[in-house]
Amino acid sequence: METITKEVDARGLNCPLPILKAKKALADVKSGELLRIICTDPGSVRDFQAFARQTKNELVEQTESGDEFIHVLRRR
């Protein structure tokens, strides 16, 4: 797995806050770098799929670990 450049802890936050935090964090990473977002909102799975489509950032992976949903985005 490639190196994660930045990580966002969005645990306990519900839509749209994890997306807004991710959007802000993506502004701090360079093109091609990876951003990991950790959420507890099950709706974030769909939200990040839609977010990646709309913003053309690549959704590299989505995993579920216990009650956490982990999303990795590559900045376009």
N, C-alpha and C. Protein backbone atom coordinates (compact mmCIF):
# COMPACT_ATOMS: atom_id res chain seq x y z
N MET A 1 0.85 -1.20 0.00
CA MET A 1 0.00 0.00 0.00
C MET A 1 0.88 1.25 0.00
N GLU A 2 0.43 2.23 -0.71
CA GLU A 2 1.16 3.48 -0.79
C GLU A 2 1.04 4.25 0.52
N THR A 3 1.90 5.24 0.67
CA THR A 3 1.92 6.05 1.88
C THR A 3 0.74 7.02 1.91
N ILE A 4 0.09 7.07 3.05
CA ILE A 4 -1.00 8.04 3.26
C ILE A 4 -0.35 9.38 3.62
N THR A 5 -0.70 10.41 2.89
CA THR A 5 -0.12 11.73 3.13
C THR A 5 -0.79 12.42 4.31
N LYS A 6 -2.10 12.29 4.39
CA LYS A 6 -2.86 13.00 5.43
C LYS A 6 -4.02 12.12 5.87
N GLU A 7 -4.38 12.25 7.15
CA GLU A 7 -5.50 11.47 7.67
C GLU A 7 -6.49 12.40 8.35
N VAL A 8 -7.76 12.12 8.12
CA VAL A 8 -8.84 12.91 8.73
C VAL A 8 -9.64 12.00 9.65
N ASP A 9 -9.81 12.42 10.89
CA ASP A 9 -10.63 11.67 11.84
C ASP A 9 -12.02 12.29 11.84
N ALA A 10 -12.97 11.60 11.21
CA ALA A 10 -14.34 12.12 11.14
C ALA A 10 -15.27 11.22 11.95
N ARG A 11 -14.69 10.51 12.95
CA ARG A 11 -15.51 9.63 13.79
C ARG A 11 -16.51 10.46 14.58
N GLY A 12 -17.74 9.97 14.64
CA GLY A 12 -18.78 10.66 15.39
C GLY A 12 -19.49 11.75 14.60
N LEU A 13 -19.01 12.02 13.40
CA LEU A 13 -19.64 13.06 12.57
C LEU A 13 -20.57 12.42 11.54
N ASN A 14 -21.68 13.07 11.29
CA ASN A 14 -22.61 12.57 10.28
C ASN A 14 -22.58 13.46 9.05
N CYS A 15 -23.08 12.91 7.95
CA CYS A 15 -23.16 13.61 6.68
C CYS A 15 -23.75 15.00 6.91
N PRO A 16 -23.22 16.02 6.30
CA PRO A 16 -22.15 16.06 5.30
C PRO A 16 -20.77 16.36 5.88
N LEU A 17 -20.62 16.34 7.20
CA LEU A 17 -19.36 16.78 7.81
C LEU A 17 -18.13 15.97 7.37
N PRO A 18 -18.19 14.63 7.29
CA PRO A 18 -16.98 13.91 6.83
C PRO A 18 -16.55 14.34 5.42
N ILE A 19 -17.51 14.58 4.54
CA ILE A 19 -17.21 15.03 3.18
C ILE A 19 -16.58 16.42 3.21
N LEU A 20 -17.14 17.31 4.03
CA LEU A 20 -16.61 18.67 4.12
C LEU A 20 -15.18 18.66 4.66
N LYS A 21 -14.93 17.83 5.68
CA LYS A 21 -13.58 17.71 6.24
C LYS A 21 -12.62 17.14 5.19
N ALA A 22 -13.08 16.17 4.42
CA ALA A 22 -12.25 15.56 3.38
C ALA A 22 -11.92 16.59 2.30
N LYS A 23 -12.92 17.38 1.92
CA LYS A 23 -12.73 18.40 0.89
C LYS A 23 -11.65 19.39 1.32
N LYS A 24 -11.73 19.81 2.58
CA LYS A 24 -10.77 20.76 3.14
C LYS A 24 -9.37 20.13 3.17
N ALA A 25 -9.28 18.87 3.58
CA ALA A 25 -7.99 18.18 3.68
C ALA A 25 -7.37 17.95 2.30
N LEU A 26 -8.22 17.68 1.30
CA LEU A 26 -7.71 17.46 -0.06
C LEU A 26 -6.99 18.71 -0.59
N ALA A 27 -7.42 19.87 -0.12
CA ALA A 27 -6.79 21.12 -0.54
C ALA A 27 -5.34 21.20 -0.04
N ASP A 28 -5.03 20.43 1.02
CA ASP A 28 -3.68 20.46 1.62
C ASP A 28 -2.75 19.39 1.06
N VAL A 29 -3.26 18.51 0.21
CA VAL A 29 -2.39 17.46 -0.35
C VAL A 29 -2.17 17.71 -1.84
N LYS A 30 -1.02 17.25 -2.32
CA LYS A 30 -0.67 17.46 -3.73
C LYS A 30 -1.36 16.41 -4.60
N SER A 31 -1.43 16.70 -5.88
CA SER A 31 -2.00 15.78 -6.85
C SER A 31 -1.28 14.42 -6.77
N GLY A 32 -2.07 13.34 -6.72
CA GLY A 32 -1.50 11.99 -6.65
C GLY A 32 -1.30 11.47 -5.24
N GLU A 33 -1.36 12.35 -4.24
CA GLU A 33 -1.17 11.92 -2.85
C GLU A 33 -2.46 11.33 -2.29
N LEU A 34 -2.31 10.56 -1.22
CA LEU A 34 -3.45 9.85 -0.64
C LEU A 34 -3.94 10.50 0.65
N LEU A 35 -5.27 10.50 0.80
CA LEU A 35 -5.94 11.01 1.99
C LEU A 35 -6.79 9.89 2.56
N ARG A 36 -6.63 9.61 3.85
CA ARG A 36 -7.46 8.59 4.51
C ARG A 36 -8.45 9.30 5.42
N ILE A 37 -9.71 8.90 5.33
CA ILE A 37 -10.77 9.47 6.17
C ILE A 37 -11.38 8.33 6.97
N ILE A 38 -11.42 8.50 8.29
CA ILE A 38 -12.01 7.47 9.17
C ILE A 38 -13.34 8.00 9.68
N CYS A 39 -14.42 7.25 9.39
CA CYS A 39 -15.78 7.68 9.74
C CYS A 39 -16.48 6.59 10.56
N THR A 40 -17.54 7.00 11.25
CA THR A 40 -18.40 6.03 11.92
C THR A 40 -19.80 6.04 11.31
N ASP A 41 -20.03 6.93 10.36
CA ASP A 41 -21.34 7.05 9.71
C ASP A 41 -21.43 6.04 8.56
N PRO A 42 -22.32 5.03 8.67
CA PRO A 42 -22.45 4.03 7.60
C PRO A 42 -22.81 4.66 6.25
N GLY A 43 -23.48 5.79 6.27
CA GLY A 43 -23.85 6.49 5.05
C GLY A 43 -22.64 7.05 4.31
N SER A 44 -21.51 7.12 5.00
CA SER A 44 -20.31 7.69 4.38
C SER A 44 -19.81 6.84 3.22
N VAL A 45 -20.14 5.54 3.21
CA VAL A 45 -19.71 4.66 2.12
C VAL A 45 -20.27 5.18 0.79
N ARG A 46 -21.57 5.38 0.75
CA ARG A 46 -22.23 5.93 -0.45
C ARG A 46 -21.77 7.36 -0.72
N ASP A 47 -21.68 8.15 0.35
CA ASP A 47 -21.30 9.56 0.21
C ASP A 47 -19.94 9.70 -0.47
N PHE A 48 -18.97 8.89 -0.06
CA PHE A 48 -17.63 9.03 -0.63
C PHE A 48 -17.55 8.49 -2.06
N GLN A 49 -18.39 7.52 -2.38
CA GLN A 49 -18.45 7.04 -3.76
C GLN A 49 -18.95 8.17 -4.66
N ALA A 50 -20.00 8.83 -4.22
CA ALA A 50 -20.57 9.94 -4.99
C ALA A 50 -19.60 11.12 -5.04
N PHE A 51 -18.95 11.41 -3.92
CA PHE A 51 -17.98 12.51 -3.84
C PHE A 51 -16.83 12.29 -4.82
N ALA A 52 -16.33 11.07 -4.88
CA ALA A 52 -15.22 10.75 -5.78
C ALA A 52 -15.64 10.93 -7.24
N ARG A 53 -16.85 10.46 -7.57
CA ARG A 53 -17.37 10.63 -8.94
C ARG A 53 -17.49 12.11 -9.30
N GLN A 54 -18.06 12.88 -8.39
CA GLN A 54 -18.32 14.30 -8.68
C GLN A 54 -17.04 15.12 -8.77
N THR A 55 -16.04 14.80 -7.94
CA THR A 55 -14.83 15.61 -7.87
C THR A 55 -13.71 15.05 -8.75
N LYS A 56 -13.91 13.85 -9.30
CA LYS A 56 -12.91 13.17 -10.14
C LYS A 56 -11.65 12.77 -9.35
N ASN A 57 -11.75 12.76 -8.02
CA ASN A 57 -10.68 12.20 -7.21
C ASN A 57 -10.90 10.70 -7.18
N GLU A 58 -9.82 9.92 -7.15
CA GLU A 58 -9.96 8.47 -7.20
C GLU A 58 -10.22 7.90 -5.80
N LEU A 59 -11.27 7.09 -5.69
CA LEU A 59 -11.55 6.39 -4.44
C LEU A 59 -10.73 5.10 -4.50
N VAL A 60 -9.60 5.09 -3.82
CA VAL A 60 -8.64 3.98 -3.91
C VAL A 60 -9.16 2.76 -3.17
N GLU A 61 -9.71 2.98 -1.97
CA GLU A 61 -10.29 1.85 -1.25
C GLU A 61 -11.28 2.31 -0.20
N GLN A 62 -12.18 1.38 0.14
CA GLN A 62 -13.13 1.58 1.24
C GLN A 62 -13.12 0.29 2.03
N THR A 63 -12.86 0.41 3.32
CA THR A 63 -12.87 -0.78 4.17
C THR A 63 -13.70 -0.50 5.40
N GLU A 64 -14.15 -1.58 6.00
CA GLU A 64 -14.96 -1.49 7.21
C GLU A 64 -14.22 -2.26 8.29
N SER A 65 -14.05 -1.62 9.44
CA SER A 65 -13.35 -2.27 10.55
C SER A 65 -14.16 -2.01 11.81
N GLY A 66 -14.87 -3.02 12.27
CA GLY A 66 -15.76 -2.82 13.42
C GLY A 66 -16.85 -1.83 13.04
N ASP A 67 -16.94 -0.74 13.80
CA ASP A 67 -17.95 0.28 13.49
C ASP A 67 -17.35 1.46 12.75
N GLU A 68 -16.15 1.25 12.18
CA GLU A 68 -15.49 2.33 11.46
C GLU A 68 -15.45 2.04 9.96
N PHE A 69 -15.58 3.10 9.20
CA PHE A 69 -15.53 3.02 7.74
C PHE A 69 -14.34 3.85 7.30
N ILE A 70 -13.42 3.22 6.58
CA ILE A 70 -12.19 3.89 6.19
C ILE A 70 -12.19 4.09 4.67
N HIS A 71 -11.98 5.32 4.28
CA HIS A 71 -11.99 5.69 2.86
C HIS A 71 -10.62 6.26 2.52
N VAL A 72 -10.09 5.84 1.38
CA VAL A 72 -8.82 6.40 0.91
C VAL A 72 -9.04 7.01 -0.46
N LEU A 73 -8.73 8.30 -0.55
CA LEU A 73 -8.88 9.05 -1.80
C LEU A 73 -7.52 9.47 -2.33
N ARG A 74 -7.35 9.41 -3.65
CA ARG A 74 -6.17 9.93 -4.29
C ARG A 74 -6.56 11.26 -4.94
N ARG A 75 -5.84 12.31 -4.59
CA ARG A 75 -6.15 13.62 -5.17
C ARG A 75 -5.82 13.62 -6.65
N ARG A 76 -6.72 14.16 -7.45
CA ARG A 76 -6.49 14.18 -8.90
C ARG A 76 -5.48 15.25 -9.26
